[in-house]
Amino acid sequence: MKPARPRTPIFICPMTSLSGILRTVSWFPLAGASVVLFFLMTMTFMDVLLRSAFNSPIAASTELTRFSMAIIVFSSLPVLSGRGGHIRVDLLDGLIRRLGLDRIWTALISILCGVILWWPANRIIDLAERSRSYGDLTEYLEIPIFYIGWFIAIMTFVTMVVLIVRGVVLLIFPALWGGDD
């Protein structure tokens, strides 16, 4: 008689697949930021080489550096926020830990920070739209400035949603988070 094969569960926990999806989705902005960082390193190397050897720097390197830095920072921000990777000031951590409120404190701070991000994101939209209406372009490459403004605003809104969802999950479903918070 053959041993019975283990049965495959018919129902797969949606949170397991959801965490896999979130892990996969978070890879894309980090991969994009990595590509832009590599471009920035290569451009800086070439700029220094051309400046030193041929006295001919890359004219648009300042513009490209500014755009690259904005893309790197704001692409990484939602992932960093979702993982709780921000620098924390631990002035109240001892008291919070003694009271057993670590998870609740972290959740409330995440929600508060997410809600607060609404204002800078809206202000960035205003500035990007003003830049678009004025027709502002970069000096050398003549790239419209509002593109990067919209990118920053969108990623700030994404970060806002990520922080609020993180806080709600920490409050309601703490076992699903699985972090050290």
Protein backbone atom coordinates (compact mmCIF):
# COMPACT_ATOMS: atom_id res chain seq x y z
CA MET A 1 0.00 0.00 0.00
CA LYS A 2 1.38 3.39 -1.03
CA PRO A 3 1.67 6.11 1.57
CA ALA A 4 -0.90 8.83 1.11
CA ARG A 5 0.32 11.99 -0.54
CA PRO A 6 0.03 15.08 1.60
CA ARG A 7 -2.95 17.09 0.51
CA THR A 8 -2.38 20.52 -0.92
CA PRO A 9 -4.47 23.07 0.91
CA ILE A 10 -7.26 24.45 -1.23
CA PHE A 11 -7.31 27.80 0.55
CA ILE A 12 -4.08 29.79 0.60
CA CYS A 13 -3.86 32.55 3.17
CA PRO A 14 -4.38 35.84 1.29
CA MET A 15 -1.95 37.68 3.57
CA THR A 16 0.85 35.29 2.64
CA SER A 17 0.29 35.99 -1.02
CA LEU A 18 -0.27 39.68 -0.24
CA SER A 19 3.08 39.92 1.52
CA GLY A 20 4.71 38.22 -1.47
CA ILE A 21 3.06 40.70 -3.80
CA LEU A 22 4.16 43.63 -1.64
CA ARG A 23 7.71 42.29 -1.53
CA THR A 24 7.71 41.98 -5.31
CA VAL A 25 6.17 45.41 -5.85
CA SER A 26 8.69 47.03 -3.49
CA TRP A 27 11.49 45.63 -5.62
CA PHE A 28 10.63 47.87 -8.60
CA PRO A 29 11.20 51.31 -7.05
CA LEU A 30 14.40 50.07 -5.41
CA ALA A 31 15.63 48.63 -8.70
CA GLY A 32 14.85 51.93 -10.41
CA ALA A 33 16.69 53.85 -7.71
CA SER A 34 19.64 51.49 -8.10
CA VAL A 35 19.80 52.06 -11.85
CA VAL A 36 19.65 55.83 -11.35
CA LEU A 37 22.36 55.60 -8.68
CA PHE A 38 24.58 53.68 -11.10
CA PHE A 39 23.93 56.33 -13.74
CA LEU A 40 24.81 59.04 -11.22
CA MET A 41 28.09 57.31 -10.27
CA THR A 42 29.02 56.82 -13.92
CA MET A 43 28.18 60.40 -14.81
CA THR A 44 30.19 61.72 -11.86
CA PHE A 45 33.18 59.59 -12.83
CA MET A 46 32.99 60.77 -16.44
CA ASP A 47 32.54 64.39 -15.34
CA VAL A 48 35.64 64.26 -13.15
CA LEU A 49 37.61 62.47 -15.86
CA LEU A 50 36.59 64.93 -18.57
CA ARG A 51 37.17 67.91 -16.27
CA SER A 52 40.63 66.74 -15.19
CA ALA A 53 41.97 65.29 -18.43
CA PHE A 54 40.39 67.50 -21.09
CA ASN A 55 39.21 70.56 -19.13
CA SER A 56 35.74 69.87 -20.53
CA PRO A 57 33.18 68.94 -17.86
CA ILE A 58 29.69 67.66 -18.62
CA ALA A 59 27.65 70.86 -18.91
CA ALA A 60 24.36 69.40 -17.69
CA SER A 61 25.81 67.41 -14.79
CA THR A 62 24.22 69.69 -12.19
CA GLU A 63 20.75 69.21 -13.67
CA LEU A 64 21.20 65.47 -14.03
CA THR A 65 22.52 65.20 -10.47
CA ARG A 66 19.50 67.07 -9.09
CA PHE A 67 17.02 64.91 -10.98
CA SER A 68 18.91 61.73 -10.10
CA MET A 69 18.98 62.56 -6.38
CA ALA A 70 15.25 63.31 -6.39
CA ILE A 71 14.51 60.02 -8.14
CA ILE A 72 16.73 58.02 -5.78
CA VAL A 73 15.30 59.56 -2.61
CA PHE A 74 11.63 59.57 -3.55
CA SER A 75 11.69 56.12 -5.17
CA SER A 76 13.09 54.64 -1.98
CA LEU A 77 10.89 56.59 0.44
CA PRO A 78 7.73 54.40 0.28
CA VAL A 79 9.72 51.18 0.68
CA LEU A 80 11.82 52.59 3.52
CA SER A 81 8.68 53.86 5.24
CA GLY A 82 6.85 50.56 4.83
CA ARG A 83 9.76 48.66 6.35
CA GLY A 84 10.05 51.09 9.26
CA GLY A 85 13.61 51.90 8.27
CA HIS A 86 13.62 55.53 9.33
CA ILE A 87 15.98 56.89 11.94
CA ARG A 88 14.19 57.03 15.27
CA VAL A 89 14.79 59.28 18.24
CA ASP A 90 14.53 57.06 21.30
CA LEU A 91 13.84 59.65 24.00
CA LEU A 92 10.55 58.00 24.98
CA ASP A 93 11.32 54.40 24.02
CA GLY A 94 12.21 53.32 27.55
CA LEU A 95 8.94 54.62 28.95
CA ILE A 96 6.89 53.30 26.03
CA ARG A 97 8.53 49.86 26.36
CA ARG A 98 7.92 49.71 30.12
CA LEU A 99 4.26 50.51 29.55
CA GLY A 100 4.05 47.81 26.85
CA LEU A 101 2.89 50.24 24.19
CA ASP A 102 5.61 49.64 21.57
CA ARG A 103 3.32 48.41 18.82
CA ILE A 104 0.57 50.95 19.48
CA TRP A 105 3.09 53.82 19.67
CA THR A 106 4.73 52.77 16.38
CA ALA A 107 1.31 52.39 14.72
CA LEU A 108 0.11 55.80 15.87
CA ILE A 109 3.35 57.47 14.78
CA SER A 110 3.08 55.79 11.35
CA ILE A 111 -0.51 56.95 10.93
CA LEU A 112 0.32 60.49 12.12
CA CYS A 113 3.29 60.76 9.76
CA GLY A 114 1.17 59.43 6.90
CA VAL A 115 -1.57 61.98 7.54
CA ILE A 116 0.97 64.80 7.83
CA LEU A 117 2.44 63.94 4.40
CA TRP A 118 -0.80 65.14 2.80
CA TRP A 119 0.26 68.78 3.15
CA PRO A 120 3.74 68.64 1.56
CA ALA A 121 2.41 66.43 -1.25
CA ASN A 122 -0.31 68.96 -2.06
CA ARG A 123 2.18 71.82 -1.88
CA ILE A 124 4.52 69.99 -4.28
CA ILE A 125 1.60 69.60 -6.71
CA ASP A 126 0.95 73.35 -6.50
CA LEU A 127 4.62 74.09 -7.21
CA ALA A 128 4.76 71.60 -10.08
CA GLU A 129 1.64 73.08 -11.66
CA ARG A 130 3.01 76.59 -11.26
CA SER A 131 6.22 75.45 -12.93
CA ARG A 132 4.20 73.90 -15.77
CA SER A 133 2.12 77.05 -16.26
CA TYR A 134 5.26 79.22 -16.40
CA GLY A 135 6.93 76.80 -18.80
CA ASP A 136 9.99 76.41 -16.56
CA LEU A 137 12.77 74.36 -18.16
CA THR A 138 16.19 73.25 -16.98
CA GLU A 139 19.05 75.42 -18.22
CA TYR A 140 21.03 73.04 -20.44
CA LEU A 141 18.81 70.11 -21.32
CA GLU A 142 15.57 72.12 -21.35
CA ILE A 143 13.64 69.41 -19.50
CA PRO A 144 10.33 70.67 -18.06
CA ILE A 145 10.77 70.96 -14.31
CA PHE A 146 7.20 69.99 -13.49
CA TYR A 147 7.92 66.34 -14.42
CA ILE A 148 10.17 65.86 -11.43
CA GLY A 149 7.73 67.84 -9.26
CA TRP A 150 4.91 65.49 -10.18
CA PHE A 151 7.13 62.47 -9.57
CA ILE A 152 8.00 63.78 -6.10
CA ALA A 153 4.32 64.49 -5.34
CA ILE A 154 3.17 61.05 -6.49
CA MET A 155 5.84 59.25 -4.47
CA THR A 156 4.98 61.39 -1.44
CA PHE A 157 1.33 60.35 -1.79
CA VAL A 158 2.39 56.71 -2.14
CA THR A 159 4.48 57.08 1.03
CA MET A 160 1.48 58.62 2.79
CA VAL A 161 -0.68 55.61 1.90
CA VAL A 162 2.08 53.16 2.88
CA LEU A 163 2.50 54.77 6.31
CA ILE A 164 -1.22 54.83 7.02
CA VAL A 165 -1.65 51.20 5.93
CA ARG A 166 1.39 50.21 8.02
CA GLY A 167 -0.09 51.89 11.07
CA VAL A 168 -3.52 50.33 10.61
CA VAL A 169 -2.04 46.87 10.08
CA LEU A 170 0.11 47.28 13.20
CA LEU A 171 -2.99 48.22 15.20
CA ILE A 172 -5.48 45.69 13.86
CA PHE A 173 -3.38 42.74 12.61
CA PRO A 174 -0.05 42.94 14.49
CA ALA A 175 0.85 39.31 13.73
CA LEU A 176 0.81 40.04 10.00
CA TRP A 177 3.47 42.71 10.23
CA GLY A 178 6.23 40.46 11.46
CA GLY A 179 8.65 43.31 12.12
CA ASP A 180 10.54 44.18 15.27
CA ASP A 181 8.16 47.05 16.06
